[in-house]
Amino acid sequence: MAAVVRQWQAVQPGLDTGPMEIIGRINRCAALLQQAEDAPLRRAGLSRPEFDLLGALRRTGRELTPGELARETFSSGAAVTKRLKQLTERGLVERRGDTRDRRVVHLRLTDAGRDLVDGILPVQLAYETAVLSGLDGPDQGELAALLGELLSQLEGRLGALRT
C-alpha cells in the first residue's frame, strides 16, 4: 500500500491520499485475513458464511427465521436460503414450520450443529489470536475501538444511501 501511495504522489503530488491509505489497508487486511482465518473452518468443512449462520443460531440461543438470520449475519435472503439448504442436508440445522403461519420457518441447530460450533469456536479464536499476536493488547483494543467507530459511522451513512 505504501508503494501505491508513493506512486500516486509521484504522478499527482498535490493529491491527498489519506483516505486511500486507510481504506486500501483495510481492504488489503480483509483480503489477507479472509484467506488465512478460514483455515480452521475449511478443515471443519465450513465456509465463513456457513459458520456465521451456525454461530448466529448458537449465540442467540433461540430459533430464528431465515429473515432474522439474514439480519444477524448481514447476508441477503437468497444467500441465507442457499446456505441453509446445505447446512440442513448436512444435518447441522433443523427447520420447523410455524404452527400459526405455514409461510414462516423456524431454524435451530441440531445436536451435531451445536457440537460443531462449540468444537470449532475455540480453535478459530486461537487462530485469530495468533494472527493478531503482532499487536499487543492495548493496540488491539485501540484498533477494535477505532474500527467499531468507523463501522458504526459507515453503517449509518451507507445504509441511508441505499434507501
Protein backbone atom coordinates (compact mmCIF):
# COMPACT_ATOMS: atom_id res chain seq x y z
CA MET A 1 0.00 0.00 0.00
CA ALA A 2 2.88 2.34 0.78
CA ALA A 3 4.24 1.79 -2.74
CA VAL A 4 0.84 2.59 -4.27
CA VAL A 5 0.65 5.83 -2.29
CA ARG A 6 4.21 6.80 -3.33
CA GLN A 7 3.32 6.14 -6.96
CA TRP A 8 0.21 8.33 -6.78
CA GLN A 9 2.13 11.09 -5.03
CA ALA A 10 4.79 10.97 -7.76
CA VAL A 11 2.17 11.26 -10.51
CA GLN A 12 -0.09 13.76 -8.70
CA PRO A 13 1.90 15.36 -5.85
CA GLY A 14 -0.98 17.53 -4.63
CA LEU A 15 -3.37 14.62 -4.20
CA ASP A 16 -4.50 13.79 -0.65
CA THR A 17 -4.04 10.01 -0.48
CA GLY A 18 -5.02 9.80 3.21
CA PRO A 19 -8.39 8.12 2.59
CA MET A 20 -6.80 5.67 0.17
CA GLU A 21 -4.17 4.78 2.75
CA ILE A 22 -6.85 3.84 5.30
CA ILE A 23 -9.41 2.17 3.04
CA GLY A 24 -6.74 0.44 0.96
CA ARG A 25 -5.13 -1.01 4.07
CA ILE A 26 -8.47 -2.12 5.49
CA ASN A 27 -9.33 -3.84 2.20
CA ARG A 28 -5.91 -5.49 1.99
CA CYS A 29 -6.13 -6.67 5.61
CA ALA A 30 -9.63 -8.03 4.98
CA ALA A 31 -8.47 -9.97 1.93
CA LEU A 32 -5.47 -11.44 3.75
CA LEU A 33 -7.50 -12.28 6.85
CA GLN A 34 -10.20 -13.93 4.81
CA GLN A 35 -7.66 -16.18 3.15
CA ALA A 36 -5.93 -17.02 6.42
CA GLU A 37 -8.64 -17.06 9.07
CA ASP A 38 -10.83 -19.53 7.29
CA ALA A 39 -8.23 -22.32 7.56
CA PRO A 40 -9.75 -23.87 10.73
CA LEU A 41 -13.21 -23.53 9.21
CA ARG A 42 -12.13 -25.19 5.97
CA ARG A 43 -10.66 -28.07 7.96
CA ALA A 44 -14.12 -28.48 9.53
CA GLY A 45 -15.72 -28.39 6.08
CA LEU A 46 -17.32 -24.98 6.57
CA SER A 47 -17.15 -21.68 4.78
CA ARG A 48 -17.08 -18.43 6.78
CA PRO A 49 -20.68 -17.56 5.78
CA GLU A 50 -21.89 -21.03 6.83
CA PHE A 51 -20.10 -20.69 10.17
CA ASP A 52 -21.64 -17.24 10.62
CA LEU A 53 -25.14 -18.76 10.25
CA LEU A 54 -24.36 -21.57 12.68
CA GLY A 55 -22.76 -19.12 15.07
CA ALA A 56 -25.81 -16.83 14.98
CA LEU A 57 -28.07 -19.73 15.86
CA ARG A 58 -25.74 -20.77 18.68
CA ARG A 59 -25.07 -17.37 20.24
CA THR A 60 -28.69 -16.18 20.20
CA GLY A 61 -29.75 -19.36 21.94
CA ARG A 62 -33.13 -19.47 20.25
CA GLU A 63 -34.79 -20.41 16.99
CA LEU A 64 -34.51 -17.83 14.23
CA THR A 65 -36.36 -17.30 10.99
CA PRO A 66 -34.37 -17.04 7.75
CA GLY A 67 -35.04 -13.28 7.75
CA GLU A 68 -33.68 -12.91 11.27
CA LEU A 69 -30.63 -14.93 10.28
CA ALA A 70 -30.07 -12.67 7.28
CA ARG A 71 -30.14 -9.61 9.55
CA GLU A 72 -27.89 -11.26 12.15
CA THR A 73 -25.26 -12.15 9.54
CA PHE A 74 -25.61 -9.16 7.18
CA SER A 75 -26.44 -11.56 4.35
CA SER A 76 -29.02 -11.50 1.58
CA GLY A 77 -32.10 -13.67 1.91
CA ALA A 78 -31.10 -15.66 -1.15
CA ALA A 79 -27.63 -16.36 0.24
CA VAL A 80 -29.11 -17.48 3.57
CA THR A 81 -31.58 -19.79 1.81
CA LYS A 82 -28.79 -21.42 -0.20
CA ARG A 83 -26.54 -21.91 2.82
CA LEU A 84 -29.39 -23.21 4.97
CA LYS A 85 -30.19 -25.83 2.36
CA GLN A 86 -26.60 -27.12 2.54
CA LEU A 87 -26.46 -26.99 6.34
CA THR A 88 -29.81 -28.77 6.62
CA GLU A 89 -28.66 -31.51 4.22
CA ARG A 90 -25.55 -31.97 6.39
CA GLY A 91 -27.72 -32.41 9.48
CA LEU A 92 -26.46 -29.27 11.23
CA VAL A 93 -29.68 -27.23 11.12
CA GLU A 94 -33.33 -28.23 11.53
CA ARG A 95 -36.35 -26.45 10.10
CA ARG A 96 -39.67 -26.27 11.88
CA GLY A 97 -42.84 -24.82 10.42
CA ASP A 98 -44.76 -22.24 12.40
CA THR A 99 -47.99 -23.59 13.87
CA ARG A 100 -49.89 -20.33 13.17
CA ASP A 101 -48.41 -19.30 9.83
CA ARG A 102 -47.30 -22.01 7.42
CA ARG A 103 -45.22 -19.49 5.44
CA VAL A 104 -42.89 -18.99 8.43
CA VAL A 105 -40.00 -21.37 9.13
CA HIS A 106 -38.07 -21.53 12.37
CA LEU A 107 -34.48 -22.75 12.39
CA ARG A 108 -32.39 -24.26 15.12
CA LEU A 109 -29.12 -26.11 15.46
CA THR A 110 -29.19 -29.86 15.70
CA ASP A 111 -27.04 -31.51 18.37
CA ALA A 112 -24.42 -32.10 15.67
CA GLY A 113 -24.55 -28.43 14.66
CA ARG A 114 -24.16 -27.25 18.25
CA ASP A 115 -21.28 -29.68 18.84
CA LEU A 116 -19.55 -28.50 15.65
CA VAL A 117 -19.82 -24.81 16.61
CA ASP A 118 -18.74 -25.48 20.20
CA GLY A 119 -15.80 -27.54 18.98
CA ILE A 120 -14.53 -25.17 16.31
CA LEU A 121 -15.03 -21.83 18.07
CA PRO A 122 -12.07 -22.24 20.48
CA VAL A 123 -9.85 -23.37 17.58
CA GLN A 124 -10.98 -20.41 15.46
CA LEU A 125 -10.42 -17.94 18.31
CA ALA A 126 -6.94 -19.38 18.99
CA TYR A 127 -6.12 -18.99 15.32
CA GLU A 128 -7.37 -15.40 15.28
CA THR A 129 -5.35 -14.68 18.44
CA ALA A 130 -2.23 -15.97 16.68
CA VAL A 131 -2.99 -13.85 13.61
CA LEU A 132 -3.23 -10.72 15.78
CA SER A 133 -0.28 -11.59 18.03
CA GLY A 134 1.89 -8.91 16.39
CA LEU A 135 -0.23 -6.26 18.12
CA ASP A 136 -0.13 -6.01 21.90
CA GLY A 137 -3.33 -5.92 23.96
CA PRO A 138 -3.71 -2.12 24.16
CA ASP A 139 -3.08 -1.75 20.41
CA GLN A 140 -5.68 -4.44 19.70
CA GLY A 141 -8.17 -2.66 21.94
CA GLU A 142 -7.49 0.69 20.27
CA LEU A 143 -7.79 -0.81 16.80
CA ALA A 144 -11.04 -2.57 17.74
CA ALA A 145 -12.47 0.69 19.11
CA LEU A 146 -11.46 2.70 16.03
CA LEU A 147 -12.82 0.07 13.64
CA GLY A 148 -16.03 -0.12 15.69
CA GLU A 149 -16.44 3.65 15.43
CA LEU A 150 -15.78 3.60 11.67
CA LEU A 151 -18.17 0.69 11.18
CA SER A 152 -20.91 2.45 13.11
CA GLN A 153 -20.50 5.59 11.01
CA LEU A 154 -20.40 3.66 7.74
CA GLU A 155 -23.47 1.59 8.59
CA GLY A 156 -25.39 4.78 9.26
CA ARG A 157 -24.19 6.69 6.22
CA LEU A 158 -24.10 3.87 3.69
CA GLY A 159 -27.37 2.41 4.97
CA ALA A 160 -29.03 5.77 4.34
CA LEU A 161 -27.59 5.90 0.82
CA ARG A 162 -29.15 2.52 -0.08
CA THR A 163 -32.70 3.60 0.69
